[in-house]
């Protein structure tokens, strides 16, 4: 059990609705920074006609980089910039859609015979962590064979513990065989003995389906997880399933584990079968002013202005979040497009009142009691206000996962988690 956790309202309004496929947007804006690590350089120019699945940007010299593909067929209209949800200026390619969705002739299932060819295929797919972190999948799977702790467990993260977001759940319900197939291929080519698929207990239908499929396998099991937040955090998940802690400065590999989001595994299964790279995201569209919550297959690069048109809003939003309400970020550039890591677009109104309600800290200690990694958010906030870098290091601010539990529980409605992230930037 996680000793420190919070219970969140779920608001899983789109959970039992089949994913829809809206008409293509008239254009896509494909950012050149789609993952943790190096950004890509364009290999197309203005005026070029591109086909669906064609590589339009890459950086083969970087250790943490994967290719970016055209999500639509059409013409390279221009190059632009936008401010991404991290507040950074991002270069992007604008493609005017021709609505033909003509596939690039080179698309074909990859030929995979061993570990090397498997990892090569994973990189070629453009796969990154679809849980939101965006770590290149091939890099995560490039296991250190010389490690003192051999990898013995592949953990598939199906927790999806944030409110509103249901894309992983719909992936399980609509393609459960992809979960098993993708898992089997990773186990086979990376020679990992076993896999555990973790799903929160509040998803009984998904648990039942996957358990039935696992009965036909010897080395894949399902573990029901407590319904609490932040259950899906990588270090929390590893401890929950294996009982092994990931210590400060360590990676999951040091605990003999590799963790992949369940949607990532489903995508890899589809890529190995079809050869279609990561050009589409299942995105949850929801919020307190959305008439009909849904999951939609959207091309990577779908602009926010187009999502607003298909969102069926009751009133204009005053806050739009990319990601979940706990760890997502508010959008402040209407040109912001869907990226490979966009799991949800949430629309809210009348939220300014809540932002204005912040008051003085009453030193109740609730932020400390809910921190799942046993930090002291209260002391870290004081240290940040005083710009005390040495104290911040002593308080281990870099261990903060930005889960937002401290801000959620705070009766004074202080933005504690946000300040912790700013504290990490102090030198």
Protein backbone atom coordinates (compact mmCIF):
# COMPACT_ATOMS: atom_id res chain seq x y z
CA UNK A 1 0.00 0.00 0.00
CA UNK A 2 1.00 3.60 -0.55
CA UNK A 3 1.05 5.06 2.93
CA UNK A 4 0.73 8.61 1.65
CA UNK A 5 -1.89 9.19 -1.03
CA UNK A 6 -5.02 11.15 -1.81
CA UNK A 7 -8.45 10.09 -2.98
CA UNK A 8 -9.52 12.09 -6.00
CA UNK A 9 -12.91 12.46 -7.67
CA UNK A 10 -12.68 10.45 -10.85
CA UNK A 11 -14.92 12.25 -13.38
CA UNK A 12 -14.34 9.40 -15.86
CA UNK A 13 -17.18 10.63 -18.06
CA UNK A 14 -15.85 9.12 -21.30
CA UNK A 15 -14.90 5.71 -19.89
CA UNK A 16 -17.69 3.68 -21.48
CA UNK A 17 -17.80 5.49 -24.81
CA UNK A 18 -16.08 4.06 -27.87
CA UNK A 19 -13.29 6.21 -29.30
CA UNK A 20 -14.43 8.37 -32.21
CA UNK A 21 -12.53 9.52 -35.30
CA UNK A 22 -13.41 13.14 -36.22
CA UNK A 23 -12.81 14.57 -39.71
CA UNK A 24 -9.24 15.64 -40.38
CA UNK A 25 -8.29 19.18 -39.40
CA UNK A 26 -7.52 21.53 -42.33
CA UNK A 27 -3.91 21.73 -41.13
CA UNK A 28 -1.58 20.24 -38.56
CA UNK A 29 1.19 21.95 -36.62
CA UNK A 30 3.81 19.31 -35.84
CA UNK A 31 6.31 20.39 -33.20
CA UNK A 32 9.94 19.36 -33.58
CA UNK A 33 10.30 18.65 -29.86
CA UNK A 34 8.05 15.67 -29.14
CA UNK A 35 10.02 13.87 -26.45
CA UNK A 36 12.39 14.18 -23.52
CA UNK A 37 15.83 14.71 -25.02
CA UNK A 38 16.98 16.24 -28.28
CA UNK A 39 14.62 17.99 -30.67
CA UNK A 40 14.58 16.98 -34.32
CA UNK A 41 15.73 18.86 -37.40
CA UNK A 42 13.37 19.15 -40.38
CA UNK A 43 14.24 17.17 -43.51
CA UNK A 44 11.46 18.68 -45.64
CA UNK A 45 11.11 22.18 -47.04
CA UNK A 46 8.29 24.58 -47.72
CA UNK A 47 6.18 23.49 -50.67
CA UNK A 48 7.03 19.78 -50.40
CA UNK A 49 4.19 17.30 -50.67
CA UNK A 50 4.35 14.76 -47.85
CA UNK A 51 2.57 11.48 -47.32
CA UNK A 52 1.11 9.97 -44.16
CA UNK A 53 3.82 8.24 -42.15
CA UNK A 54 6.70 9.93 -43.98
CA UNK A 55 9.65 11.06 -41.85
CA UNK A 56 9.70 14.86 -41.79
CA UNK A 57 12.23 15.45 -38.99
CA UNK A 58 14.92 13.45 -37.21
CA UNK A 59 18.25 13.62 -35.37
CA UNK A 60 20.15 10.36 -35.66
CA UNK A 61 23.17 11.83 -33.87
CA UNK A 62 21.37 12.24 -30.54
CA UNK A 63 21.02 9.51 -27.92
CA UNK A 64 17.54 10.64 -26.87
CA UNK A 65 15.72 11.35 -30.10
CA UNK A 66 13.17 9.60 -32.29
CA UNK A 67 11.93 10.50 -35.78
CA UNK A 68 8.84 12.60 -36.35
CA UNK A 69 6.43 11.58 -39.10
CA UNK A 70 3.76 13.37 -41.10
CA UNK A 71 0.39 12.61 -39.50
CA UNK A 72 -1.50 13.62 -42.65
CA UNK A 73 -0.83 13.77 -46.36
CA UNK A 74 -0.61 17.26 -47.79
CA UNK A 75 1.75 20.14 -48.47
CA UNK A 76 4.34 21.73 -46.20
CA UNK A 77 2.78 25.15 -45.90
CA UNK A 78 5.31 26.86 -43.65
CA UNK A 79 7.56 26.66 -40.61
CA UNK A 80 6.47 28.37 -37.41
CA UNK A 81 6.95 28.62 -33.66
CA UNK A 82 4.58 28.21 -30.73
CA UNK A 83 4.88 28.29 -26.95
CA UNK A 84 4.48 24.76 -25.64
CA UNK A 85 2.89 23.76 -22.33
CA UNK A 86 6.29 23.93 -20.63
CA UNK A 87 6.56 27.59 -21.59
CA UNK A 88 9.30 26.97 -24.15
CA UNK A 89 9.37 28.20 -27.73
CA UNK A 90 9.04 25.21 -30.04
CA UNK A 91 9.78 25.03 -33.77
CA UNK A 92 7.06 23.39 -35.84
CA UNK A 93 6.12 22.33 -39.35
CA UNK A 94 2.70 23.33 -40.71
CA UNK A 95 1.17 20.84 -43.15
CA UNK A 96 -1.97 21.76 -45.11
CA UNK A 97 -4.12 18.62 -45.21
CA UNK A 98 -5.25 17.29 -48.60
CA UNK A 99 -7.79 14.90 -46.96
CA UNK A 100 -6.48 11.96 -49.03
CA UNK A 101 -4.48 10.37 -46.21
CA UNK A 102 -2.23 8.77 -48.78
CA UNK A 103 0.27 6.51 -47.03
CA UNK A 104 3.97 6.71 -47.71
CA UNK A 105 4.94 3.72 -49.88
CA UNK A 106 7.68 2.75 -47.44
CA UNK A 107 5.21 1.85 -44.69
CA UNK A 108 5.44 -1.86 -43.96
CA UNK A 109 5.68 -4.09 -40.90
CA UNK A 110 9.30 -4.12 -39.70
CA UNK A 111 11.39 -7.26 -40.01
CA UNK A 112 12.30 -8.21 -36.45
CA UNK A 113 14.40 -11.26 -35.68
CA UNK A 114 16.38 -10.36 -32.58
CA UNK A 115 17.01 -7.74 -29.90
CA UNK A 116 18.95 -5.38 -32.17
CA UNK A 117 16.36 -5.36 -34.95
CA UNK A 118 13.57 -4.99 -32.39
CA UNK A 119 15.12 -1.89 -30.82
CA UNK A 120 15.82 -0.49 -34.28
CA UNK A 121 12.14 -0.95 -35.15
CA UNK A 122 11.01 0.67 -31.90
CA UNK A 123 13.08 3.76 -32.66
CA UNK A 124 11.86 3.89 -36.27
CA UNK A 125 8.27 3.85 -35.00
CA UNK A 126 8.76 7.22 -33.30
CA UNK A 127 7.49 5.73 -30.05
CA UNK A 128 7.73 7.72 -26.82
CA UNK A 129 6.14 7.15 -23.43
CA UNK A 130 2.42 7.76 -23.96
CA UNK A 131 1.75 8.21 -20.26
CA UNK A 132 2.89 11.80 -20.64
CA UNK A 133 6.61 11.75 -19.81
CA UNK A 134 7.67 11.34 -23.43
CA UNK A 135 10.85 9.36 -22.80
CA UNK A 136 11.96 7.65 -26.06
CA UNK A 137 10.79 4.06 -25.81
CA UNK A 138 13.79 2.53 -27.56
CA UNK A 139 16.10 4.23 -25.04
CA UNK A 140 14.10 2.90 -22.09
CA UNK A 141 14.27 -0.60 -23.59
CA UNK A 142 17.99 -0.46 -24.31
CA UNK A 143 18.82 -2.39 -21.18
CA UNK A 144 22.30 -2.34 -19.70
CA UNK A 145 23.37 -5.98 -20.01
CA UNK A 146 26.34 -5.30 -17.74
CA UNK A 147 24.12 -4.06 -14.92
CA UNK A 148 24.66 -5.65 -11.51
CA UNK A 149 20.87 -5.91 -11.20
CA UNK A 150 19.43 -7.84 -14.17
CA UNK A 151 16.00 -6.77 -15.38
CA UNK A 152 13.56 -9.42 -14.26
CA UNK A 153 10.21 -7.59 -14.41
CA UNK A 154 8.42 -5.63 -17.10
CA UNK A 155 5.68 -3.53 -15.53
CA UNK A 156 2.81 -2.35 -17.73
CA UNK A 157 1.22 0.77 -16.26
CA UNK A 158 -2.55 0.73 -16.63
CA UNK A 159 -3.31 2.70 -13.47
CA UNK A 160 -4.55 5.90 -15.16
CA UNK A 161 -5.16 7.51 -11.79
CA UNK A 162 -5.73 11.14 -12.89
CA UNK A 163 -9.30 12.45 -13.07
CA UNK A 164 -11.04 12.70 -16.45
CA UNK A 165 -8.44 10.82 -18.53
CA UNK A 166 -9.67 7.49 -19.93
CA UNK A 167 -7.49 6.87 -22.99
CA UNK A 168 -5.57 3.96 -21.46
CA UNK A 169 -8.81 2.35 -20.30
CA UNK A 170 -10.35 2.67 -23.76
CA UNK A 171 -7.18 1.20 -25.24
CA UNK A 172 -7.60 -1.88 -23.06
CA UNK A 173 -11.32 -2.20 -23.80
CA UNK A 174 -10.94 -1.69 -27.56
CA UNK A 175 -7.70 -3.59 -28.16
CA UNK A 176 -6.98 -5.97 -25.26
CA UNK A 177 -5.12 -8.38 -27.54
CA UNK A 178 -2.68 -5.57 -28.32
CA UNK A 179 -1.80 -5.35 -24.63
CA UNK A 180 -0.81 -9.02 -24.53
CA UNK A 181 0.85 -9.12 -27.95
CA UNK A 182 2.97 -6.02 -27.29
CA UNK A 183 3.98 -7.35 -23.89
CA UNK A 184 4.95 -10.73 -25.33
CA UNK A 185 7.18 -9.17 -27.98
CA UNK A 186 9.04 -7.05 -25.44
CA UNK A 187 9.58 -10.08 -23.17
CA UNK A 188 10.76 -12.18 -26.09
CA UNK A 189 13.24 -9.83 -27.72
CA UNK A 190 14.64 -8.34 -24.51
CA UNK A 191 14.75 -11.65 -22.65
CA UNK A 192 12.81 -10.43 -19.61
CA UNK A 193 11.40 -13.32 -17.54
CA UNK A 194 8.01 -11.90 -16.57
CA UNK A 195 5.55 -9.04 -16.93
CA UNK A 196 2.98 -7.62 -14.54
CA UNK A 197 0.10 -5.50 -15.81
CA UNK A 198 -1.05 -3.10 -13.10
CA UNK A 199 -4.65 -1.84 -13.28
CA UNK A 200 -6.51 0.09 -10.58
CA UNK A 201 -9.39 -1.77 -8.89
CA UNK A 202 -11.95 0.78 -10.09
CA UNK A 203 -11.62 -0.66 -13.62
CA UNK A 204 -13.15 -4.13 -13.11
CA UNK A 205 -14.13 -4.63 -16.77
CA UNK A 206 -10.57 -4.01 -17.95
CA UNK A 207 -9.16 -6.25 -15.23
CA UNK A 208 -11.52 -9.09 -16.19
CA UNK A 209 -10.69 -8.89 -19.91
CA UNK A 210 -6.93 -8.80 -19.45
CA UNK A 211 -6.94 -11.52 -16.79
CA UNK A 212 -8.80 -13.84 -19.14
CA UNK A 213 -6.20 -13.26 -21.84
CA UNK A 214 -3.37 -13.77 -19.35
CA UNK A 215 -4.70 -17.23 -18.47
CA UNK A 216 -3.21 -18.39 -21.78
CA UNK A 217 0.25 -17.13 -20.86
CA UNK A 218 2.74 -18.34 -18.27
CA UNK A 219 4.75 -15.20 -17.61
CA UNK A 220 2.21 -12.35 -17.80
CA UNK A 221 -0.03 -11.59 -14.82
CA UNK A 222 -2.41 -8.84 -13.75
CA UNK A 223 -2.13 -7.07 -10.42
CA UNK A 224 -5.07 -5.09 -9.08
CA UNK A 225 -3.87 -1.78 -7.68
CA UNK A 226 -5.41 0.38 -4.95
CA UNK A 227 -7.54 3.22 -6.30
CA UNK A 228 -5.51 6.13 -5.04
CA UNK A 229 -3.33 8.92 -6.34
CA UNK A 230 -0.52 9.00 -7.53
CA UNK A 231 -0.73 5.25 -8.10
CA UNK A 232 0.57 5.50 -11.67
CA UNK A 233 3.86 7.24 -10.81
CA UNK A 234 6.74 5.03 -11.95
CA UNK A 235 8.54 4.69 -8.62
CA UNK A 236 5.28 4.20 -6.73
CA UNK A 237 4.17 1.52 -9.19
CA UNK A 238 7.44 -0.38 -8.88
CA UNK A 239 7.23 -0.41 -5.11
CA UNK A 240 3.56 -1.37 -5.17
CA UNK A 241 4.13 -4.35 -7.47
CA UNK A 242 7.58 -5.61 -6.47
CA UNK A 243 8.20 -4.13 -3.01
CA UNK A 244 11.52 -2.73 -4.30
CA UNK A 245 12.27 0.95 -3.67
CA UNK A 246 13.91 3.12 -6.34
CA UNK A 247 16.38 5.17 -4.34
CA UNK A 248 17.41 8.77 -4.93
CA UNK A 249 19.54 9.06 -8.06
CA UNK A 250 18.57 5.61 -9.29
CA UNK A 251 16.60 4.51 -12.34
CA UNK A 252 13.97 1.75 -12.39
CA UNK A 253 16.65 -0.48 -13.96
CA UNK A 254 18.48 -0.43 -10.62
CA UNK A 255 15.47 -2.24 -9.16
CA UNK A 256 15.40 -4.76 -11.98
CA UNK A 257 12.32 -3.22 -13.58
CA UNK A 258 11.24 -1.55 -16.78
CA UNK A 259 7.94 0.36 -16.76
CA UNK A 260 5.92 1.12 -19.89
CA UNK A 261 2.53 2.78 -20.21
CA UNK A 262 -0.15 0.42 -21.44
CA UNK A 263 -0.98 2.62 -24.44
CA UNK A 264 2.69 2.49 -25.46
CA UNK A 265 2.57 -1.30 -25.44
CA UNK A 266 -0.63 -1.32 -27.51
CA UNK A 267 0.97 1.05 -30.04
CA UNK A 268 4.09 -1.13 -30.36
CA UNK A 269 1.89 -4.14 -31.09
CA UNK A 270 0.09 -2.22 -33.83
CA UNK A 271 3.32 -0.92 -35.31
CA UNK A 272 4.87 -4.38 -35.51
CA UNK A 273 1.73 -5.54 -37.32
CA UNK A 274 1.19 -2.60 -39.70
CA UNK A 275 4.34 -0.49 -39.86
CA UNK A 276 2.33 2.70 -39.23
CA UNK A 277 4.41 4.96 -36.95
CA UNK A 278 3.20 7.09 -34.05
CA UNK A 279 1.12 9.69 -35.89
CA UNK A 280 -2.19 9.49 -34.01
CA UNK A 281 -3.12 9.94 -30.36
CA UNK A 282 -6.19 8.80 -28.50
CA UNK A 283 -7.08 12.02 -26.65
CA UNK A 284 -9.68 12.46 -23.91
CA UNK A 285 -11.78 15.60 -24.45
CA UNK A 286 -13.64 16.55 -21.28
CA UNK A 287 -14.13 19.20 -18.61
CA UNK A 288 -16.93 20.95 -16.74
CA UNK A 289 -18.23 22.76 -19.86
CA UNK A 290 -18.08 19.82 -22.30
CA UNK A 291 -21.55 18.57 -23.22
CA UNK A 292 -20.42 15.15 -24.36
CA UNK A 293 -17.11 13.84 -23.08
CA UNK A 294 -15.27 11.64 -25.56
CA UNK A 295 -12.04 10.03 -26.60
CA UNK A 296 -10.98 10.91 -30.13
CA UNK A 297 -8.25 9.67 -32.45
CA UNK A 298 -6.47 12.88 -33.41
CA UNK A 299 -3.50 13.30 -35.77
CA UNK A 300 -0.35 14.49 -34.04
CA UNK A 301 -0.28 18.22 -34.70
CA UNK A 302 -4.04 18.81 -34.47
CA UNK A 303 -4.34 22.50 -33.43
CA UNK A 304 -6.18 23.50 -30.29
CA UNK A 305 -8.53 25.73 -32.28
CA UNK A 306 -9.79 22.65 -34.15
CA UNK A 307 -10.25 20.66 -30.93
CA UNK A 308 -12.41 23.50 -29.58
CA UNK A 309 -14.67 23.12 -32.63
CA UNK A 310 -15.26 19.42 -32.03
CA UNK A 311 -15.41 19.61 -28.21
CA UNK A 312 -19.10 20.58 -27.96
CA UNK A 313 -18.65 23.28 -25.31
CA UNK A 314 -21.52 24.93 -23.43
CA UNK A 315 -19.65 28.20 -22.98
CA UNK A 316 -16.22 29.69 -23.75
CA UNK A 317 -13.47 28.27 -21.53
CA UNK A 318 -11.31 30.40 -19.30
CA UNK A 319 -8.88 27.54 -18.68
CA UNK A 320 -7.70 24.82 -21.05
CA UNK A 321 -5.44 22.06 -19.77
CA UNK A 322 -3.31 19.70 -21.83
CA UNK A 323 -3.04 16.54 -19.72
CA UNK A 324 -4.79 15.82 -16.45
CA UNK A 325 -5.92 18.37 -13.86
CA UNK A 326 -3.21 17.23 -11.41
CA UNK A 327 -0.10 17.10 -13.58
CA UNK A 328 -1.17 18.79 -16.79
CA UNK A 329 -0.44 22.37 -17.81
CA UNK A 330 -2.71 25.26 -18.69
CA UNK A 331 -2.44 26.38 -22.30
CA UNK A 332 -1.62 29.99 -23.09
CA UNK A 333 -1.02 29.74 -26.84
CA UNK A 334 -4.04 28.96 -29.00
CA UNK A 335 -1.70 27.52 -31.64
CA UNK A 336 -0.75 24.72 -29.23
CA UNK A 337 -1.11 21.39 -31.07
CA UNK A 338 -1.56 17.80 -29.98
CA UNK A 339 1.81 16.12 -29.49
CA UNK A 340 2.76 12.49 -29.04
CA UNK A 341 2.41 12.92 -25.28
CA UNK A 342 -1.01 14.64 -25.23
CA UNK A 343 -3.39 12.30 -23.41
CA UNK A 344 -6.19 14.79 -22.74
CA UNK A 345 -7.48 18.27 -23.51
CA UNK A 346 -9.71 19.57 -20.71
CA UNK A 347 -11.95 22.65 -20.82
CA UNK A 348 -13.08 24.55 -17.73
CA UNK A 349 -14.97 27.77 -16.99
CA UNK A 350 -15.42 29.93 -13.88
CA UNK A 351 -12.06 28.78 -12.53
CA UNK A 352 -10.64 32.24 -11.87
CA UNK A 353 -12.52 32.41 -8.58
CA UNK A 354 -10.60 29.38 -7.31
CA UNK A 355 -7.27 30.91 -8.29
CA UNK A 356 -8.05 34.08 -6.32
CA UNK A 357 -8.84 32.13 -3.16
CA UNK A 358 -5.24 31.54 -2.03
CA UNK A 359 -4.63 32.51 1.58
CA UNK A 360 -1.90 32.27 4.21
CA UNK A 361 -0.51 28.86 5.19
CA UNK A 362 -2.10 27.63 8.43
CA UNK A 363 0.67 25.05 9.05
CA UNK A 364 -1.76 22.14 9.18
CA UNK A 365 0.80 19.68 7.79
CA UNK A 366 -1.59 18.06 5.33
CA UNK A 367 0.83 18.61 2.43
CA UNK A 368 3.42 16.56 4.32
CA UNK A 369 1.02 13.72 5.12
CA UNK A 370 -0.05 13.21 1.48
CA UNK A 371 3.40 13.36 -0.12
CA UNK A 372 3.97 9.88 -1.55
CA UNK A 373 7.76 10.28 -1.47
CA UNK A 374 7.83 11.65 2.10
CA UNK A 375 9.00 15.17 1.36
CA UNK A 376 8.20 18.35 3.30
CA UNK A 377 6.47 20.68 0.81
CA UNK A 378 5.90 23.33 3.48
CA UNK A 379 9.62 23.66 4.29
CA UNK A 380 10.55 23.52 0.59
CA UNK A 381 8.24 26.44 -0.16
CA UNK A 382 9.84 28.53 2.58
CA UNK A 383 13.31 27.62 1.30
CA UNK A 384 12.30 28.61 -2.22
CA UNK A 385 10.92 31.97 -1.05
CA UNK A 386 14.26 32.62 0.67
CA UNK A 387 16.18 31.31 -2.37
CA UNK A 388 18.02 28.93 -0.04
CA UNK A 389 19.51 26.46 -2.51
CA UNK A 390 21.48 24.50 0.10
CA UNK A 391 18.33 23.89 2.17
CA UNK A 392 16.38 22.86 -0.93
CA UNK A 393 19.03 20.25 -1.69
CA UNK A 394 18.91 19.02 1.91
CA UNK A 395 15.12 18.77 1.65
CA UNK A 396 15.56 16.76 -1.60
CA UNK A 397 13.37 18.96 -3.75
CA UNK A 398 14.55 17.10 -6.86
CA UNK A 399 12.63 14.03 -5.67
CA UNK A 400 9.34 15.90 -6.06
CA UNK A 401 7.29 14.17 -8.79
CA UNK A 402 5.03 17.17 -9.35
CA UNK A 403 2.01 14.96 -8.67
CA UNK A 404 0.11 17.94 -7.24
CA UNK A 405 -1.20 16.14 -4.15
CA UNK A 406 0.09 18.88 -1.83
CA UNK A 407 -1.70 21.60 -3.78
CA UNK A 408 -4.87 19.51 -3.97
CA UNK A 409 -5.07 18.92 -0.21
CA UNK A 410 -4.06 22.43 0.88
CA UNK A 411 -6.98 24.17 2.66
CA UNK A 412 -5.35 27.54 1.92
CA UNK A 413 -5.40 26.69 -1.84
CA UNK A 414 -1.72 27.49 -2.22
CA UNK A 415 0.14 26.46 -5.38
CA UNK A 416 2.66 24.38 -3.47
CA UNK A 417 3.51 21.92 -6.23
CA UNK A 418 4.04 24.69 -8.76
CA UNK A 419 6.54 26.41 -6.45
CA UNK A 420 8.41 23.13 -5.95
CA UNK A 421 9.01 22.92 -9.70
CA UNK A 422 10.35 26.45 -9.73
CA UNK A 423 12.59 25.50 -6.81
CA UNK A 424 14.22 22.78 -8.92
CA UNK A 425 15.45 25.45 -11.34
CA UNK A 426 17.43 27.35 -8.70
CA UNK A 427 21.18 26.88 -8.95
